[in-house]
Protein backbone atom coordinates (compact mmCIF):
# COMPACT_ATOMS: atom_id res chain seq x y z
CA MET A 1 30.80 -10.02 -6.70
CA PRO A 2 30.66 -13.18 -4.52
CA LEU A 3 31.07 -12.97 -0.76
CA THR A 4 34.38 -14.08 0.71
CA LEU A 5 35.12 -15.62 4.09
CA ALA A 6 36.56 -12.27 5.16
CA ASP A 7 33.27 -10.58 4.23
CA LEU A 8 31.35 -13.08 6.33
CA ARG A 9 33.59 -12.50 9.34
CA LEU A 10 33.44 -8.72 8.94
CA GLU A 11 29.67 -8.62 8.47
CA ALA A 12 28.61 -11.24 11.03
CA ARG A 13 28.23 -8.88 14.01
CA PRO A 14 26.61 -5.89 12.24
CA THR A 15 24.25 -8.19 10.34
CA GLY A 16 23.31 -9.96 13.55
CA LEU A 17 22.67 -6.61 15.23
CA ILE A 18 20.44 -5.46 12.38
CA LEU A 19 18.42 -8.68 12.55
CA LEU A 20 18.11 -8.26 16.31
CA VAL A 21 16.75 -4.74 15.85
CA GLY A 22 14.35 -6.13 13.24
CA ALA A 23 13.26 -8.92 15.57
CA LEU A 24 12.52 -6.40 18.33
CA GLY A 25 10.45 -4.36 15.89
CA ALA A 26 8.63 -7.47 14.71
CA ALA A 27 7.89 -8.49 18.31
CA LEU A 28 6.51 -5.02 19.03
CA ALA A 29 4.38 -5.16 15.87
CA VAL A 30 3.01 -8.58 16.88
CA TRP A 31 2.18 -7.20 20.33
CA LEU A 32 0.42 -4.19 18.79
CA GLY A 33 -1.46 -6.43 16.36
CA THR A 34 -0.30 -4.57 13.24
CA PRO A 35 -0.67 -6.01 9.71
CA LEU A 36 2.27 -8.09 8.37
CA PRO A 37 4.08 -7.65 11.71
CA PHE A 38 7.29 -9.49 10.85
CA LEU A 39 7.77 -7.64 7.56
CA LEU A 40 6.61 -4.14 8.49
CA GLY A 41 7.86 -4.25 12.09
CA ALA A 42 11.38 -5.11 10.96
CA LEU A 43 11.28 -2.66 8.05
CA ILE A 44 10.20 0.34 10.12
CA THR A 45 12.50 -0.25 13.10
CA VAL A 46 15.56 -1.10 11.01
CA GLY A 47 14.82 1.81 8.69
CA ALA A 48 14.64 4.29 11.59
CA TRP A 49 17.72 2.78 13.22
CA SER A 50 19.68 2.93 9.93
CA ILE A 51 18.84 6.60 9.40
CA TRP A 52 19.93 7.41 12.95
CA ARG A 53 23.18 5.43 12.68
CA SER A 54 24.12 6.94 9.31
CA ALA A 55 23.30 10.58 10.17
CA GLY A 56 25.82 12.85 8.45
CA VAL A 57 27.09 10.07 6.16
CA PRO A 58 26.07 10.88 2.57
CA GLU A 59 26.67 7.41 1.08
CA THR A 60 26.31 4.16 2.99
CA ALA A 61 26.61 0.82 1.21
CA PRO A 62 23.97 -1.78 2.13
CA ARG A 63 25.25 -4.73 4.21
CA PRO A 64 26.24 -7.37 1.61
CA VAL A 65 25.56 -10.41 3.79
CA LEU A 66 22.14 -9.08 4.77
CA GLN A 67 21.24 -8.45 1.14
CA VAL A 68 22.24 -12.02 0.25
CA LEU A 69 20.01 -13.25 3.08
CA ARG A 70 17.21 -11.01 1.81
CA LYS A 71 17.46 -12.49 -1.70
CA ALA A 72 17.46 -15.99 -0.21
CA SER A 73 14.34 -15.11 1.80
CA VAL A 74 12.64 -13.71 -1.30
CA SER A 75 13.41 -17.02 -3.05
CA LEU A 76 11.94 -18.92 -0.12
CA ILE A 77 8.75 -16.84 -0.30
CA GLY A 78 8.59 -17.70 -4.01
CA VAL A 79 8.81 -21.41 -3.23
CA MET A 80 6.09 -21.12 -0.58
CA ILE A 81 3.81 -19.25 -2.97
CA GLY A 82 4.43 -21.86 -5.65
CA ALA A 83 3.56 -24.57 -3.13
CA THR A 84 -0.03 -23.26 -3.06
CA PHE A 85 -0.41 -24.14 -6.75
CA SER A 86 -2.94 -26.88 -7.46
CA PRO A 87 -4.78 -28.40 -10.43
CA SER A 88 -7.90 -26.46 -9.37
CA LEU A 89 -5.94 -23.21 -9.69
CA LEU A 90 -4.76 -24.27 -13.14
CA GLU A 91 -8.41 -24.51 -14.13
CA GLN A 92 -8.98 -21.02 -12.74
CA LEU A 93 -6.16 -19.24 -14.62
CA PRO A 94 -7.99 -19.02 -18.01
CA GLN A 95 -10.77 -17.16 -16.19
CA LEU A 96 -8.34 -14.34 -15.29
CA TRP A 97 -8.01 -13.01 -18.85
CA LEU A 98 -10.35 -10.06 -18.27
CA SER A 99 -8.59 -8.77 -15.13
CA VAL A 100 -5.15 -9.36 -16.69
CA LEU A 101 -6.17 -7.35 -19.77
CA ALA A 102 -7.42 -4.58 -17.44
CA VAL A 103 -3.82 -4.15 -16.30
CA VAL A 104 -3.08 -2.42 -19.64
CA PRO A 105 -5.36 0.64 -19.13
CA PHE A 106 -4.52 0.58 -15.41
CA VAL A 107 -0.79 0.99 -16.12
CA LEU A 108 -1.38 3.70 -18.75
CA ILE A 109 -3.73 5.70 -16.51
CA THR A 110 -1.68 5.44 -13.31
CA HIS A 111 1.58 6.21 -15.11
CA GLY A 112 0.04 9.28 -16.69
CA LEU A 113 -1.50 10.59 -13.47
CA SER A 114 1.68 9.97 -11.46
CA PHE A 115 3.72 11.74 -14.13
CA LEU A 116 1.55 14.83 -13.68
CA ILE A 117 2.04 14.64 -9.90
CA TYR A 118 5.83 14.48 -10.13
CA ARG A 119 6.03 17.00 -12.98
CA ARG A 120 3.55 19.63 -11.72
CA LEU A 121 3.57 19.19 -7.93
CA ALA A 122 7.09 17.90 -7.25
CA LYS A 123 8.55 20.09 -10.03
CA LEU A 124 10.83 17.30 -11.29
CA ASP A 125 12.30 17.49 -14.78
CA ARG A 126 10.45 15.65 -17.55
CA VAL A 127 12.74 12.60 -17.69
CA THR A 128 12.96 12.09 -13.91
CA ALA A 129 9.20 12.56 -13.52
CA PHE A 130 8.49 9.98 -16.23
CA PHE A 131 10.62 7.24 -14.65
CA ALA A 132 9.59 8.15 -11.09
CA ALA A 133 5.95 7.69 -12.16
CA MET A 134 6.41 4.10 -13.44
CA PRO A 135 3.88 1.86 -11.62
CA GLY A 136 6.34 -1.01 -11.26
CA GLY A 137 9.88 -2.22 -11.87
CA LEU A 138 12.03 -0.51 -9.22
CA ILE A 139 15.39 -1.74 -10.54
CA GLU A 140 14.40 -1.28 -14.18
CA ALA A 141 13.07 2.24 -13.53
CA VAL A 142 16.35 3.30 -11.92
CA THR A 143 18.48 1.66 -14.65
CA LEU A 144 16.50 3.06 -17.58
CA GLY A 145 16.07 6.44 -15.91
CA GLU A 146 19.79 6.79 -15.30
CA ALA A 147 20.45 5.90 -18.96
CA ALA A 148 18.06 8.70 -19.96
CA GLY A 149 19.83 11.22 -17.71
CA ALA A 150 17.64 11.11 -14.59
CA ASP A 151 18.99 11.13 -11.02
CA PRO A 152 19.29 7.43 -9.99
CA ARG A 153 19.34 8.14 -6.23
CA LEU A 154 16.17 10.21 -6.45
CA LEU A 155 14.50 7.49 -8.53
CA SER A 156 15.61 4.80 -6.05
CA THR A 157 14.17 6.73 -3.12
CA GLN A 158 10.92 7.52 -4.92
CA HIS A 159 10.25 3.95 -6.04
CA PHE A 160 11.26 2.57 -2.67
CA ALA A 161 8.73 4.96 -1.13
CA ARG A 162 6.07 3.65 -3.55
CA VAL A 163 6.67 0.01 -2.59
CA VAL A 164 6.82 0.72 1.15
CA LEU A 165 3.69 2.90 1.11
CA VAL A 166 1.67 0.31 -0.82
CA ILE A 167 2.65 -2.61 1.43
CA ILE A 168 1.75 -0.48 4.47
CA ALA A 169 -1.47 0.97 3.02
CA VAL A 170 -3.09 -2.17 1.62
CA PRO A 171 -3.08 -4.35 4.77
CA THR A 172 -3.78 -1.34 7.02
CA VAL A 173 -6.84 -0.21 5.03
CA TYR A 174 -8.06 -3.80 4.87
CA TYR A 175 -7.72 -4.07 8.64
CA LEU A 176 -9.60 -0.79 9.19
CA MET A 177 -12.40 -1.94 6.86
CA THR A 178 -12.78 -5.53 8.10
CA GLY A 179 -11.02 -5.77 11.47
CA ILE A 180 -9.01 -8.73 10.13
CA VAL A 181 -5.24 -8.53 10.67
CA VAL A 182 -3.15 -9.35 7.63
CA GLY A 183 -0.17 -11.36 8.79
CA SER A 184 1.62 -14.67 8.81
CA ALA A 185 -0.76 -16.09 11.41
CA ALA A 186 -3.88 -15.29 9.41
CA GLY A 187 -5.43 -16.68 6.26
CA GLN A 188 -3.37 -19.19 4.34
CA SER A 189 -2.24 -22.18 6.33
CA PHE A 190 0.66 -24.12 4.89
CA ASP A 191 0.75 -27.59 6.32
CA ALA A 192 -0.72 -29.19 9.38
CA THR A 193 2.30 -31.48 9.73
CA ASN A 194 5.64 -30.44 11.14
CA ALA A 195 8.36 -29.83 8.59
CA GLY A 196 11.20 -32.33 8.84
CA LEU A 197 14.78 -32.08 7.65
CA LEU A 198 13.78 -33.55 4.28
CA ASP A 199 11.16 -30.82 3.80
CA LEU A 200 13.69 -28.10 4.64
CA ALA A 201 16.23 -29.66 2.27
CA GLU A 202 13.65 -29.79 -0.52
CA LEU A 203 12.72 -26.13 0.08
CA ALA A 204 16.40 -25.16 -0.13
CA LEU A 205 16.89 -27.18 -3.32
CA LEU A 206 13.86 -25.57 -4.96
CA CYS A 207 15.26 -22.14 -4.04
CA VAL A 208 18.71 -22.82 -5.53
CA ILE A 209 17.48 -24.42 -8.77
CA GLY A 210 14.70 -21.84 -9.10
CA VAL A 211 17.10 -18.91 -8.80
CA PHE A 212 19.33 -20.49 -11.44
CA ILE A 213 16.35 -20.86 -13.80
CA GLY A 214 15.16 -17.31 -13.11
CA ARG A 215 18.55 -15.77 -13.85
CA LYS A 216 19.21 -18.06 -16.83
CA PHE A 217 16.02 -16.97 -18.56
CA ARG A 218 16.24 -13.38 -17.27
CA LEU A 219 12.81 -13.50 -15.67
CA PRO A 220 11.52 -10.33 -13.98
CA ALA A 221 12.05 -10.51 -10.20
CA SER A 222 14.10 -13.64 -10.97
CA TYR A 223 14.98 -14.44 -7.35
CA MET A 224 11.29 -14.89 -6.61
CA ILE A 225 9.69 -15.89 -9.92
CA GLY A 226 12.16 -18.68 -10.78
CA PRO A 227 11.64 -20.54 -7.47
CA MET A 228 7.90 -19.83 -7.59
CA LEU A 229 7.48 -21.32 -11.07
CA LEU A 230 9.59 -24.37 -10.23
CA SER A 231 7.69 -24.94 -7.00
CA ALA A 232 4.35 -24.46 -8.76
CA ILE A 233 5.23 -27.10 -11.36
CA ALA A 234 6.53 -29.53 -8.71
CA HIS A 235 3.47 -29.15 -6.48
CA GLY A 236 0.88 -28.73 -9.23
CA THR A 237 1.90 -32.02 -10.83
CA GLY A 238 2.01 -33.81 -7.48
CA PHE A 239 5.73 -34.50 -7.81
CA LEU A 240 6.38 -32.83 -4.45
CA ASP A 241 4.32 -32.09 -1.36
CA VAL A 242 6.64 -30.09 0.87
CA ALA A 243 5.58 -28.93 4.34
CA SER A 244 6.19 -25.18 4.65
CA PRO A 245 6.31 -24.22 8.35
CA VAL A 246 4.81 -20.92 9.48
CA TRP A 247 7.92 -20.06 11.51
CA LEU A 248 9.98 -20.17 8.31
CA LEU A 249 7.60 -17.72 6.62
CA ALA A 250 7.84 -15.40 9.63
CA GLY A 251 11.64 -15.56 9.56
CA ALA A 252 11.75 -14.85 5.83
CA GLN A 253 9.49 -11.82 6.28
CA LEU A 254 11.71 -10.53 9.09
CA VAL A 255 14.86 -10.79 6.95
CA ILE A 256 13.16 -9.14 3.95
CA GLY A 257 11.91 -6.30 6.15
CA ALA A 258 15.34 -5.77 7.71
CA GLY A 259 17.01 -5.92 4.29
CA LEU A 260 14.68 -3.23 2.95
CA GLY A 261 14.95 -1.09 6.08
CA VAL A 262 18.75 -0.92 5.97
CA LEU A 263 18.53 0.67 2.50
CA PHE A 264 17.37 3.87 4.21
CA ALA A 265 20.92 4.33 5.56
CA GLY A 266 22.53 7.53 4.33
CA SER A 267 19.21 9.17 3.45
CA SER A 268 18.44 12.54 4.95
CA LEU A 269 15.15 13.05 6.73
CA ARG A 270 14.38 15.94 4.39
CA SER A 271 14.84 13.88 1.21
CA LEU A 272 12.84 11.00 2.67
CA ALA A 273 10.04 13.31 3.81
CA ARG A 274 9.85 14.81 0.32
CA ALA A 275 9.91 11.40 -1.40
CA PHE A 276 7.29 9.93 0.90
CA GLY A 277 5.16 13.06 0.74
CA PHE A 278 4.80 13.02 -3.02
CA GLY A 279 4.79 9.22 -2.88
CA CYS A 280 1.70 9.37 -0.67
CA VAL A 281 -0.10 11.48 -3.26
CA SER A 282 0.95 9.18 -6.11
CA VAL A 283 0.12 5.98 -4.23
CA ALA A 284 -3.26 7.36 -3.11
CA VAL A 285 -4.12 8.05 -6.75
CA MET A 286 -2.87 4.64 -7.93
CA LEU A 287 -4.76 2.77 -5.22
CA SER A 288 -7.92 4.77 -5.93
CA VAL A 289 -7.69 3.75 -9.59
CA ALA A 290 -7.02 0.14 -8.50
CA VAL A 291 -10.14 0.12 -6.30
CA GLY A 292 -12.19 1.62 -9.13
CA PHE A 293 -10.98 -0.97 -11.63
CA ALA A 294 -11.51 -3.79 -9.11
CA ALA A 295 -15.08 -2.66 -8.43
CA LEU A 296 -15.84 -2.64 -12.17
CA LEU A 297 -14.25 -6.06 -12.71
CA ALA A 298 -15.63 -7.85 -9.63
CA PRO A 299 -19.03 -8.86 -11.13
CA TRP A 300 -17.33 -10.61 -14.08
CA SER A 301 -14.21 -11.96 -12.38
CA SER A 302 -13.61 -15.25 -10.58
CA LEU A 303 -11.56 -13.32 -8.00
CA PRO A 304 -13.18 -11.47 -5.07
CA LEU A 305 -12.92 -7.69 -4.80
CA ILE A 306 -10.02 -7.69 -2.30
CA ALA A 307 -8.04 -10.10 -4.52
CA LEU A 308 -8.52 -7.81 -7.51
CA ILE A 309 -7.35 -4.80 -5.49
CA ILE A 310 -4.22 -6.68 -4.34
CA SER A 311 -3.65 -7.84 -7.94
CA LEU A 312 -3.59 -4.24 -9.19
CA ALA A 313 -1.95 -2.47 -6.23
CA PRO A 314 1.47 -1.21 -7.46
CA GLY A 315 3.58 -2.76 -4.69
CA GLY A 316 6.38 -5.31 -4.81
CA VAL A 317 5.64 -8.77 -6.23
CA THR A 318 6.94 -10.48 -3.09
CA GLU A 319 5.07 -8.24 -0.66
CA MET A 320 1.74 -8.41 -2.52
CA GLY A 321 2.16 -12.17 -2.72
CA LEU A 322 2.61 -12.22 1.04
CA VAL A 323 -0.55 -10.19 1.56
CA ALA A 324 -2.47 -12.60 -0.68
CA LEU A 325 -0.96 -15.58 1.14
CA SER A 326 -2.01 -14.15 4.49
CA LEU A 327 -5.60 -13.65 3.36
CA GLY A 328 -5.94 -17.12 1.92
CA ILE A 329 -6.19 -15.69 -1.61
CA SER A 330 -4.37 -17.48 -4.42
CA PRO A 331 -0.95 -15.76 -4.50
CA VAL A 332 -0.21 -17.33 -7.88
CA ALA A 333 -3.23 -15.60 -9.45
CA VAL A 334 -2.17 -12.31 -7.84
CA THR A 335 1.42 -12.75 -9.02
CA VAL A 336 0.28 -13.29 -12.63
CA HIS A 337 -1.21 -9.78 -12.62
CA HIS A 338 1.86 -8.22 -11.04
CA LEU A 339 4.27 -9.84 -13.48
CA PHE A 340 2.21 -8.50 -16.37
CA ARG A 341 2.04 -5.05 -14.74
CA ILE A 342 5.81 -4.87 -14.24
CA THR A 343 6.58 -6.24 -17.71
CA LEU A 344 4.19 -3.75 -19.32
CA ALA A 345 5.52 -0.78 -17.29
CA VAL A 346 9.13 -1.65 -18.16
CA SER A 347 8.25 -2.18 -21.84
CA ILE A 348 6.63 1.26 -22.03
CA ALA A 349 9.67 2.81 -20.35
CA GLY A 350 12.02 1.02 -22.75
CA TRP A 351 9.99 2.28 -25.71
CA ALA A 352 10.06 5.84 -24.34
CA LEU A 353 13.79 5.85 -23.48
CA PRO A 354 15.21 6.89 -26.88
CA ARG A 355 12.42 9.44 -27.33
CA LEU A 356 13.11 11.05 -23.95
CA ARG A 357 16.80 11.33 -24.83
CA ASP A 358 15.98 13.47 -27.89
């Protein structure tokens, strides 16, 4: 349902307040030197603030204007990731076949182990445990799970916990191991020149056309993948060379973090603690398997060990792309693995759906 002028007027102040809270959290995270400060700082502070504001309210709808801004920011991240595409990367993609194929046993193993965690430890019913254990596809897991008779709110919370825990764990563990902060100021540099109005207009145009393409062809994570593919083609062929300013990346991360944090509204601390508790166990197992696979693949892969770990880590496509971008690792190569992981996980769930109904 499209936003109306009345919606914009009604949502302007609360959306502005949420972004202000997110900005304060991001500033604190920058001061503390935490990984992905604009994304995680905004997510954590807005999430805590949303829980506090919605205490005692069982259902709270997410702010529509903020969610539109979040989708626009996700599209912008897609364009920026696509802008890193180059002919040299095109030559590298055929070398990724081994690590991409490794995604198949990775998905099967992690799905199976997570199913046992949610079935035996969390004591969830068989259907809910199966869809809660999916190592990818948050929206698809909730949609298919609900069709099979699972609790959609529980699935939403559990998968949201998975994504949040992975995007916190990966950069934090990397920082503890190397002392290098993962964030918008580290790793990948975009353009030494200042972005002019033409650059900003071209970025916006790539976002709009890319989203249209993504939705038209029903691509997974269409708001990101459509713009990313369009930008990759435009930059890889040399048709465009758009300057992507660092401040724009920071702003996009802040909006995405705030948009995710506000989804905690209406959740009880008890339900969140339970979801994140079992999520921690599941994510720890998944990441351990990812590290094991990455260590086995590293000697034969063109990607370094950390890139392989990020390529397998079961987080969000956008967030893992941001981590890769921050470390100067090809985010396009990382995204290829995540798209295959999500597609495979959703395909397995779709195959299992009629059998779980029986």
